[in-house]
């Protein structure tokens, strides 16, 4: 059975509050390397991610908190 390769991946870094940065990568071509397609940082506003590929998804930084803010 052939190995399946993910078309997209994200690297998420966390601090004591929750997600701090999200780096998004996508496969460039069928066999090409992954290309960086965006980085979001918690200081950039309330919306962490709003994407439509590979499927529609919107996440707010508050959704990614491990310790809810008071």
N, C-alpha and C. Protein backbone atom coordinates (compact mmCIF):
# COMPACT_ATOMS: atom_id res chain seq x y z
N UNK A 1 0.85 -1.18 0.00
CA UNK A 1 0.00 0.00 0.00
C UNK A 1 0.89 1.24 0.00
N UNK A 2 0.66 2.19 -0.92
CA UNK A 2 1.52 3.38 -0.98
C UNK A 2 1.29 4.28 0.24
N UNK A 3 2.38 4.96 0.63
CA UNK A 3 2.29 5.89 1.75
C UNK A 3 1.56 7.16 1.32
N UNK A 4 0.66 7.62 2.16
CA UNK A 4 -0.06 8.86 1.88
C UNK A 4 0.73 10.03 2.46
N UNK A 5 0.78 11.11 1.71
CA UNK A 5 1.51 12.31 2.13
C UNK A 5 0.49 13.40 2.41
N UNK A 6 0.64 14.05 3.54
CA UNK A 6 -0.25 15.14 3.89
C UNK A 6 0.04 16.35 3.00
N UNK A 7 -1.00 16.95 2.45
CA UNK A 7 -0.84 18.13 1.60
C UNK A 7 -0.55 19.39 2.42
N UNK A 8 -1.00 19.41 3.66
CA UNK A 8 -0.85 20.59 4.52
C UNK A 8 -0.38 20.14 5.90
N UNK A 9 0.40 21.00 6.54
CA UNK A 9 0.66 20.78 7.96
C UNK A 9 0.88 22.11 8.65
N UNK A 10 0.64 22.12 9.94
CA UNK A 10 0.80 23.32 10.76
C UNK A 10 1.75 23.00 11.91
N UNK A 11 2.55 23.98 12.27
CA UNK A 11 3.37 23.93 13.47
C UNK A 11 2.79 24.96 14.43
N UNK A 12 2.39 24.52 15.59
CA UNK A 12 1.78 25.42 16.57
C UNK A 12 2.67 25.45 17.80
N UNK A 13 3.07 26.66 18.20
CA UNK A 13 3.85 26.81 19.43
C UNK A 13 2.93 27.34 20.52
N UNK A 14 3.19 26.87 21.73
CA UNK A 14 2.35 27.22 22.89
C UNK A 14 3.18 27.89 23.96
N UNK A 15 2.51 28.72 24.76
CA UNK A 15 3.10 29.26 25.99
C UNK A 15 2.15 28.90 27.13
N UNK A 16 2.26 29.57 28.26
CA UNK A 16 1.41 29.25 29.43
C UNK A 16 -0.07 29.52 29.19
N UNK A 17 -0.38 30.43 28.27
CA UNK A 17 -1.78 30.81 28.01
C UNK A 17 -2.42 29.89 26.98
N UNK A 18 -1.68 29.54 25.94
CA UNK A 18 -2.23 28.72 24.86
C UNK A 18 -1.37 28.87 23.62
N UNK A 19 -1.99 28.71 22.46
CA UNK A 19 -1.25 28.83 21.21
C UNK A 19 -0.69 30.24 21.06
N UNK A 20 0.56 30.33 20.66
CA UNK A 20 1.23 31.62 20.49
C UNK A 20 1.43 31.94 19.01
N UNK A 21 1.88 30.95 18.25
CA UNK A 21 2.06 31.13 16.81
C UNK A 21 1.56 29.89 16.07
N UNK A 22 1.14 30.10 14.84
CA UNK A 22 0.75 29.01 13.95
C UNK A 22 1.46 29.25 12.63
N UNK A 23 2.31 28.30 12.24
CA UNK A 23 2.99 28.35 10.95
C UNK A 23 2.32 27.32 10.04
N UNK A 24 1.90 27.75 8.85
CA UNK A 24 1.20 26.86 7.93
C UNK A 24 2.08 26.56 6.72
N UNK A 25 2.08 25.28 6.31
CA UNK A 25 2.87 24.82 5.17
C UNK A 25 1.98 23.98 4.26
N UNK A 26 2.27 24.01 2.97
CA UNK A 26 1.53 23.21 1.99
C UNK A 26 2.53 22.61 1.01
N UNK A 27 2.21 21.43 0.54
CA UNK A 27 3.04 20.77 -0.44
C UNK A 27 3.00 21.55 -1.74
N UNK A 28 4.17 21.86 -2.29
CA UNK A 28 4.21 22.61 -3.55
C UNK A 28 4.43 21.62 -4.69
N UNK A 29 3.37 21.30 -5.37
CA UNK A 29 3.43 20.30 -6.43
C UNK A 29 3.21 18.90 -5.87
N UNK A 30 3.21 17.92 -6.74
CA UNK A 30 2.94 16.55 -6.31
C UNK A 30 4.06 15.96 -5.48
N UNK A 31 5.29 16.28 -5.82
CA UNK A 31 6.43 15.72 -5.11
C UNK A 31 7.38 16.79 -4.60
N UNK A 32 6.99 18.04 -4.76
CA UNK A 32 7.86 19.14 -4.36
C UNK A 32 7.97 19.28 -2.86
N UNK A 33 8.83 20.17 -2.43
CA UNK A 33 8.98 20.41 -0.99
C UNK A 33 7.77 21.18 -0.44
N UNK A 34 7.67 21.22 0.86
CA UNK A 34 6.62 22.02 1.49
C UNK A 34 7.03 23.49 1.44
N UNK A 35 6.05 24.33 1.19
CA UNK A 35 6.29 25.78 1.13
C UNK A 35 5.56 26.45 2.29
N UNK A 36 6.21 27.41 2.89
CA UNK A 36 5.59 28.19 3.97
C UNK A 36 4.51 29.07 3.36
N UNK A 37 3.28 28.97 3.85
CA UNK A 37 2.20 29.77 3.28
C UNK A 37 1.62 30.80 4.24
N UNK A 38 2.12 30.82 5.48
CA UNK A 38 1.66 31.85 6.39
C UNK A 38 2.01 31.57 7.83
N UNK A 39 2.15 32.66 8.58
CA UNK A 39 2.38 32.57 10.02
C UNK A 39 1.43 33.54 10.70
N UNK A 40 0.78 33.06 11.73
CA UNK A 40 -0.10 33.91 12.53
C UNK A 40 0.47 33.98 13.95
N UNK A 41 0.35 35.15 14.56
CA UNK A 41 0.83 35.35 15.93
C UNK A 41 -0.32 35.93 16.75
N UNK A 42 -0.41 35.51 17.99
CA UNK A 42 -1.51 35.92 18.86
C UNK A 42 -1.65 37.44 18.97
N UNK A 43 -0.56 38.19 18.83
CA UNK A 43 -0.61 39.65 18.92
C UNK A 43 -1.18 40.31 17.67
N UNK A 44 -1.49 39.53 16.63
CA UNK A 44 -1.95 40.09 15.36
C UNK A 44 -3.47 40.33 15.32
N UNK A 45 -4.19 39.97 16.35
CA UNK A 45 -5.63 40.16 16.37
C UNK A 45 -6.34 38.94 16.90
N UNK A 46 -7.66 39.01 17.02
CA UNK A 46 -8.41 37.91 17.66
C UNK A 46 -8.54 36.64 16.80
N UNK A 47 -8.41 36.76 15.48
CA UNK A 47 -8.55 35.59 14.60
C UNK A 47 -7.20 34.91 14.41
N UNK A 48 -7.11 33.64 14.78
CA UNK A 48 -5.87 32.90 14.63
C UNK A 48 -5.70 32.41 13.20
N UNK A 49 -6.73 31.78 12.66
CA UNK A 49 -6.66 31.20 11.33
C UNK A 49 -8.02 31.31 10.66
N UNK A 50 -8.00 31.70 9.41
CA UNK A 50 -9.21 31.68 8.57
C UNK A 50 -8.76 31.18 7.20
N UNK A 51 -9.04 29.89 6.92
CA UNK A 51 -8.58 29.26 5.69
C UNK A 51 -9.74 28.56 4.99
N UNK A 52 -9.55 28.30 3.70
CA UNK A 52 -10.56 27.57 2.94
C UNK A 52 -9.99 26.31 2.29
N UNK A 53 -8.66 26.14 2.36
CA UNK A 53 -8.03 24.98 1.74
C UNK A 53 -7.17 24.26 2.77
N UNK A 54 -7.36 23.01 3.03
CA UNK A 54 -8.11 22.03 2.27
C UNK A 54 -9.60 21.99 2.60
N UNK A 55 -10.03 22.71 3.63
CA UNK A 55 -11.45 22.83 3.97
C UNK A 55 -11.64 24.12 4.76
N UNK A 56 -12.85 24.67 4.78
CA UNK A 56 -13.08 25.93 5.51
C UNK A 56 -12.88 25.74 7.02
N UNK A 57 -12.13 26.66 7.61
CA UNK A 57 -11.87 26.59 9.05
C UNK A 57 -11.53 27.98 9.56
N UNK A 58 -12.18 28.37 10.64
CA UNK A 58 -11.86 29.62 11.33
C UNK A 58 -11.63 29.30 12.80
N UNK A 59 -10.50 29.76 13.32
CA UNK A 59 -10.17 29.58 14.74
C UNK A 59 -9.78 30.91 15.33
N UNK A 60 -10.29 31.19 16.50
CA UNK A 60 -9.88 32.38 17.25
C UNK A 60 -8.83 31.95 18.26
N UNK A 61 -7.99 32.89 18.64
CA UNK A 61 -6.96 32.58 19.64
C UNK A 61 -7.61 32.09 20.94
N UNK A 62 -8.76 32.64 21.28
CA UNK A 62 -9.46 32.22 22.50
C UNK A 62 -9.83 30.73 22.44
N UNK A 63 -10.07 30.20 21.23
CA UNK A 63 -10.38 28.78 21.08
C UNK A 63 -9.18 27.91 21.37
N UNK A 64 -7.99 28.48 21.34
CA UNK A 64 -6.75 27.73 21.49
C UNK A 64 -6.07 27.96 22.83
N UNK A 65 -6.79 28.56 23.76
CA UNK A 65 -6.23 28.81 25.10
C UNK A 65 -6.24 27.53 25.93
N UNK A 66 -5.15 27.31 26.65
CA UNK A 66 -5.11 26.18 27.58
C UNK A 66 -5.47 26.64 28.99
N UNK A 67 -5.31 27.93 29.23
CA UNK A 67 -5.71 28.55 30.50
C UNK A 67 -6.60 29.74 30.14
N UNK A 68 -7.90 29.62 30.35
CA UNK A 68 -8.80 30.74 29.98
C UNK A 68 -8.40 32.05 30.67
N UNK A 69 -8.42 33.14 29.92
CA UNK A 69 -8.11 34.47 30.45
C UNK A 69 -9.24 34.92 31.37
N UNK A 70 -8.88 35.59 32.45
CA UNK A 70 -9.89 36.11 33.41
C UNK A 70 -10.37 37.46 32.97
